[in-house]
Amino acid sequence: NFWSSSQCDLLLEARERRAEEASRAPKPKARPRRRQIVLRGVEPEPGEPGSSGGGPGSVVTQLVDYAVLLSKELKIRQRPVLTACAYLWRLRPETLDPPENAVGWSELDDERHITAVTMACVYLACKVEEQPVSADKVAGFSQGLCSATDLLDAELCVLEDLSASLVVHHPIDDVERYASLVHADGEASKVAMACAEETRRTDLLLRYPPHVIALGCLRVAMALEGADTLPWCEQNGVCKEDVKGVCAELVKRCRSL
């Protein structure tokens, strides 16, 4: 159900279940801290090196940028790109980390592994969104770092991690409709769409339903015009605190708009 966001609920329940299982399981040995991975063609943001969260310098944020770069090179439409980014945010940190029993694992192996996982997310998203591309074409973007076999092996890992739950609802689908309902002008609509696109670099999709994110994008855009859409959101039964939470995250990410 799009409005109740069963997709969002599924992700949140899965994370809570994993956290509960992790608290019951014996504490594993601490893994060595990963250095900042520099993917070919992507400059990392300054921040905490090797972190797996959503802050500046995080591995996931860098992988999202790499997926966008790959998609531009292959001329992939916007929706598969957003779906691939959602997959990357949903992956467990263990999927991106080197194997625990890896012997002689080098930085090159680490780069090859996470590059293959990122490409697998793009490759899988293209199939789900009905714009398939060949594995050879996607792997060719790595300039010899990954083969098509590496990509297909990584795809199986991604499918297992996502529990084959591949349909993603995107806030960008509703931004234009909401903009027309509040009579936003063309410039405000463009800013709202830009904010919605920027959500790919955050984990908002894991924390809020897509329609709430769309309303947060619209509120940020309308605030630039001196209008407040928060009362309108409340009239339509949307929690204003959720909308405010989305806006706070967007303001951090969209300062350049």
Protein backbone atom coordinates (compact mmCIF):
# COMPACT_ATOMS: atom_id res chain seq x y z
CA ASN A 1 0.00 0.00 0.00
CA PHE A 2 1.60 3.25 -1.12
CA TRP A 3 -0.19 5.60 1.27
CA SER A 4 0.52 3.54 4.41
CA SER A 5 3.99 2.80 3.00
CA SER A 6 4.22 -0.92 3.66
CA GLN A 7 7.65 -0.71 2.03
CA CYS A 8 8.87 1.71 4.70
CA ASP A 9 7.32 -0.38 7.49
CA LEU A 10 9.02 -3.48 6.12
CA LEU A 11 12.42 -1.81 6.19
CA LEU A 12 11.96 -0.47 9.71
CA GLU A 13 10.73 -3.83 11.03
CA ALA A 14 13.66 -5.61 9.41
CA ARG A 15 16.14 -3.22 11.03
CA GLU A 16 14.49 -3.59 14.46
CA ARG A 17 14.53 -7.38 14.12
CA ARG A 18 18.21 -7.37 13.16
CA ALA A 19 19.05 -5.12 16.10
CA GLU A 20 17.19 -7.43 18.49
CA GLU A 21 18.93 -10.51 17.09
CA ALA A 22 22.29 -8.78 17.32
CA SER A 23 21.71 -7.90 20.98
CA ARG A 24 21.02 -11.56 21.79
CA ALA A 25 23.90 -13.00 19.78
CA PRO A 26 27.42 -13.30 21.23
CA LYS A 27 29.45 -10.18 20.62
CA PRO A 28 31.68 -10.78 17.55
CA LYS A 29 35.30 -9.80 17.38
CA ALA A 30 35.82 -6.20 16.38
CA ARG A 31 36.79 -5.84 12.74
CA PRO A 32 39.64 -3.61 11.75
CA ARG A 33 38.47 -0.09 10.89
CA ARG A 34 38.10 0.44 7.17
CA ARG A 35 40.02 3.25 5.61
CA GLN A 36 38.33 5.72 3.32
CA ILE A 37 37.66 3.91 0.06
CA VAL A 38 38.21 6.06 -3.02
CA LEU A 39 36.19 4.68 -5.91
CA ARG A 40 37.41 5.48 -9.38
CA GLY A 41 35.81 8.69 -10.62
CA VAL A 42 34.23 9.67 -7.28
CA GLU A 43 35.76 12.14 -4.85
CA PRO A 44 34.79 11.36 -1.23
CA GLU A 45 33.29 14.08 0.93
CA PRO A 46 35.26 15.18 3.99
CA GLY A 47 34.04 13.43 7.10
CA GLU A 48 34.56 10.37 9.22
CA PRO A 49 36.49 7.87 7.06
CA GLY A 50 34.94 4.49 6.49
CA SER A 51 31.74 5.16 8.41
CA SER A 52 28.73 3.21 7.20
CA GLY A 53 26.10 5.78 8.22
CA GLY A 54 24.66 8.65 6.24
CA GLY A 55 27.00 11.44 7.27
CA PRO A 56 29.65 13.12 5.16
CA GLY A 57 32.41 10.75 4.14
CA SER A 58 30.27 7.66 4.67
CA VAL A 59 30.82 4.66 2.45
CA VAL A 60 27.13 4.48 1.46
CA THR A 61 27.04 8.13 0.38
CA GLN A 62 30.06 7.54 -1.82
CA LEU A 63 28.50 4.43 -3.33
CA VAL A 64 25.35 6.41 -4.13
CA ASP A 65 27.46 8.98 -5.97
CA TYR A 66 29.19 6.17 -7.86
CA ALA A 67 25.82 4.66 -8.82
CA VAL A 68 24.66 8.05 -10.14
CA LEU A 69 27.88 8.44 -12.12
CA LEU A 70 27.48 4.95 -13.59
CA SER A 71 23.87 5.64 -14.50
CA LYS A 72 24.76 8.85 -16.32
CA GLU A 73 27.43 7.03 -18.30
CA LEU A 74 25.00 4.29 -19.31
CA LYS A 75 22.18 6.83 -19.93
CA ILE A 76 19.83 5.18 -17.44
CA ARG A 77 16.56 6.91 -16.57
CA GLN A 78 16.02 8.60 -13.21
CA ARG A 79 13.77 6.01 -11.59
CA PRO A 80 16.17 3.04 -11.80
CA VAL A 81 18.88 5.30 -10.34
CA LEU A 82 16.70 6.17 -7.33
CA THR A 83 15.79 2.51 -6.87
CA ALA A 84 19.46 1.49 -6.93
CA CYS A 85 20.27 4.14 -4.31
CA ALA A 86 17.45 2.82 -2.10
CA TYR A 87 18.96 -0.67 -2.38
CA LEU A 88 22.34 0.66 -1.28
CA TRP A 89 20.86 2.27 1.81
CA ARG A 90 19.04 -0.94 2.70
CA LEU A 91 22.13 -3.15 2.57
CA ARG A 92 23.57 -4.32 5.86
CA PRO A 93 27.07 -3.04 6.68
CA GLU A 94 28.25 -6.66 6.66
CA THR A 95 27.42 -6.91 2.96
CA LEU A 96 29.80 -4.06 2.17
CA ASP A 97 32.53 -5.13 4.59
CA PRO A 98 35.28 -7.61 3.63
CA PRO A 99 34.53 -11.26 4.49
CA GLU A 100 35.49 -12.19 8.05
CA ASN A 101 37.59 -15.13 6.87
CA ALA A 102 39.30 -13.21 4.06
CA VAL A 103 43.04 -13.92 3.94
CA GLY A 104 45.32 -11.35 2.35
CA TRP A 105 42.43 -9.00 1.61
CA SER A 106 43.93 -5.86 0.10
CA GLU A 107 42.55 -2.38 -0.50
CA LEU A 108 42.19 -3.28 -4.17
CA ASP A 109 40.07 -6.30 -3.21
CA ASP A 110 37.98 -4.03 -0.99
CA GLU A 111 37.43 -1.58 -3.83
CA ARG A 112 36.56 -4.41 -6.23
CA HIS A 113 34.04 -5.85 -3.76
CA ILE A 114 32.09 -2.69 -3.02
CA THR A 115 32.25 -1.61 -6.67
CA ALA A 116 30.70 -4.93 -7.70
CA VAL A 117 27.97 -4.55 -5.06
CA THR A 118 27.16 -1.02 -6.24
CA MET A 119 27.04 -2.11 -9.87
CA ALA A 120 24.84 -5.05 -8.90
CA CYS A 121 22.35 -2.66 -7.28
CA VAL A 122 22.19 -0.59 -10.48
CA TYR A 123 21.96 -3.71 -12.66
CA LEU A 124 19.16 -5.14 -10.49
CA ALA A 125 17.26 -1.85 -10.30
CA CYS A 126 17.28 -1.57 -14.09
CA LYS A 127 15.64 -4.99 -14.37
CA VAL A 128 13.05 -4.17 -11.72
CA GLU A 129 12.20 -0.84 -13.37
CA GLU A 130 12.02 -2.50 -16.81
CA GLN A 131 15.06 -0.85 -18.33
CA PRO A 132 17.45 -3.80 -18.42
CA VAL A 133 21.11 -3.41 -19.37
CA SER A 134 23.62 -6.17 -19.96
CA ALA A 135 25.97 -7.24 -17.18
CA ASP A 136 28.93 -6.82 -19.54
CA LYS A 137 27.98 -3.21 -20.26
CA VAL A 138 27.65 -2.36 -16.56
CA ALA A 139 30.88 -4.14 -15.62
CA GLY A 140 32.70 -2.35 -18.42
CA PHE A 141 32.31 0.93 -16.54
CA SER A 142 34.76 -0.32 -13.90
CA GLN A 143 37.59 -0.26 -16.46
CA GLY A 144 38.68 -3.81 -15.77
CA LEU A 145 38.27 -3.73 -11.99
CA CYS A 146 35.18 -5.98 -12.02
CA SER A 147 34.04 -8.62 -14.48
CA ALA A 148 30.49 -9.55 -15.39
CA THR A 149 30.91 -12.66 -13.23
CA ASP A 150 31.84 -10.50 -10.22
CA LEU A 151 28.73 -8.40 -10.83
CA LEU A 152 26.41 -11.42 -11.07
CA ASP A 153 27.88 -12.94 -7.91
CA ALA A 154 27.32 -9.64 -6.11
CA GLU A 155 23.75 -9.55 -7.41
CA LEU A 156 23.00 -12.78 -5.54
CA CYS A 157 24.36 -11.26 -2.33
CA VAL A 158 22.20 -8.16 -2.83
CA LEU A 159 19.09 -10.25 -3.50
CA GLU A 160 19.67 -12.24 -0.34
CA ASP A 161 20.28 -9.14 1.75
CA LEU A 162 17.15 -7.42 0.42
CA SER A 163 15.10 -10.60 0.94
CA ALA A 164 14.04 -10.26 -2.71
CA SER A 165 11.85 -7.27 -1.72
CA LEU A 166 12.67 -5.10 -4.70
CA VAL A 167 9.72 -2.79 -5.33
CA VAL A 168 10.50 0.72 -4.04
CA HIS A 169 8.05 3.62 -3.76
CA HIS A 170 9.73 6.98 -4.39
CA PRO A 171 8.75 10.39 -3.01
CA ILE A 172 9.47 11.96 -6.37
CA ASP A 173 6.32 10.29 -7.71
CA ASP A 174 4.07 12.52 -5.58
CA VAL A 175 5.98 15.81 -5.48
CA GLU A 176 4.47 17.12 -8.71
CA ARG A 177 0.93 16.15 -7.68
CA TYR A 178 1.23 17.80 -4.28
CA ALA A 179 2.74 20.91 -5.86
CA SER A 180 -0.35 21.32 -8.04
CA LEU A 181 -2.65 20.88 -5.03
CA VAL A 182 -0.99 23.74 -3.11
CA HIS A 183 -0.72 25.86 -6.29
CA ALA A 184 3.08 26.02 -6.23
CA ASP A 185 4.63 28.01 -9.05
CA GLY A 186 7.11 26.58 -11.52
CA GLU A 187 10.20 27.61 -9.58
CA ALA A 188 8.94 26.09 -6.32
CA SER A 189 8.10 22.87 -8.14
CA LYS A 190 11.63 22.68 -9.53
CA VAL A 191 13.15 23.18 -6.07
CA ALA A 192 10.85 20.51 -4.61
CA MET A 193 11.88 18.05 -7.32
CA ALA A 194 15.55 18.87 -6.71
CA CYS A 195 15.07 18.17 -3.00
CA ALA A 196 13.37 14.87 -3.81
CA GLU A 197 16.30 13.87 -6.00
CA GLU A 198 18.72 14.79 -3.21
CA THR A 199 17.01 12.34 -0.85
CA ARG A 200 18.90 9.57 -2.62
CA ARG A 201 21.95 10.69 -0.62
CA THR A 202 20.12 10.24 2.70
CA ASP A 203 18.47 7.38 4.55
CA LEU A 204 15.12 9.21 4.72
CA LEU A 205 13.41 6.40 2.79
CA LEU A 206 14.25 4.05 5.66
CA ARG A 207 12.77 6.38 8.26
CA TYR A 208 9.72 7.99 6.68
CA PRO A 209 6.99 6.94 4.24
CA PRO A 210 7.48 8.30 0.70
CA HIS A 211 4.47 10.64 0.82
CA VAL A 212 5.81 12.29 3.99
CA ILE A 213 9.19 12.83 2.31
CA ALA A 214 7.42 14.37 -0.68
CA LEU A 215 5.56 16.78 1.60
CA GLY A 216 8.82 17.69 3.33
CA CYS A 217 10.40 18.49 -0.03
CA LEU A 218 7.43 20.67 -0.93
CA ARG A 219 7.53 22.51 2.40
CA VAL A 220 11.21 23.38 1.91
CA ALA A 221 10.47 24.68 -1.59
CA MET A 222 7.45 26.71 -0.53
CA ALA A 223 9.33 28.19 2.44
CA LEU A 224 11.64 29.87 -0.06
CA GLU A 225 8.53 31.59 -1.46
CA GLY A 226 7.40 32.70 2.00
CA ALA A 227 4.60 30.12 2.28
CA ASP A 228 4.11 27.41 4.91
CA THR A 229 2.43 24.17 3.85
CA LEU A 230 2.50 22.64 7.35
CA PRO A 231 -1.15 23.55 8.15
CA TRP A 232 -2.19 21.98 4.84
CA CYS A 233 -0.31 18.79 5.78
CA GLU A 234 -2.09 18.65 9.15
CA GLN A 235 -5.48 19.13 7.48
CA ASN A 236 -4.74 16.05 5.37
CA GLY A 237 -3.86 13.88 8.36
CA VAL A 238 -0.06 13.92 8.06
CA CYS A 239 1.98 14.21 11.26
CA LYS A 240 3.64 17.63 11.25
CA GLU A 241 6.56 16.38 13.34
CA ASP A 242 7.41 13.84 10.63
CA VAL A 243 7.30 16.57 7.98
CA LYS A 244 9.53 18.78 10.14
CA GLY A 245 11.99 15.90 10.56
CA VAL A 246 12.23 15.47 6.80
CA CYS A 247 12.71 19.22 6.32
CA ALA A 248 15.52 19.34 8.88
CA GLU A 249 17.40 16.60 7.04
CA LEU A 250 16.81 18.22 3.65
CA VAL A 251 18.09 21.60 4.81
CA LYS A 252 21.38 19.93 5.74
CA ARG A 253 21.69 18.27 2.34
CA CYS A 254 20.31 21.04 0.11
CA ARG A 255 22.21 24.12 1.21
CA SER A 256 23.55 24.53 -2.32
CA LEU A 257 20.08 24.91 -3.86
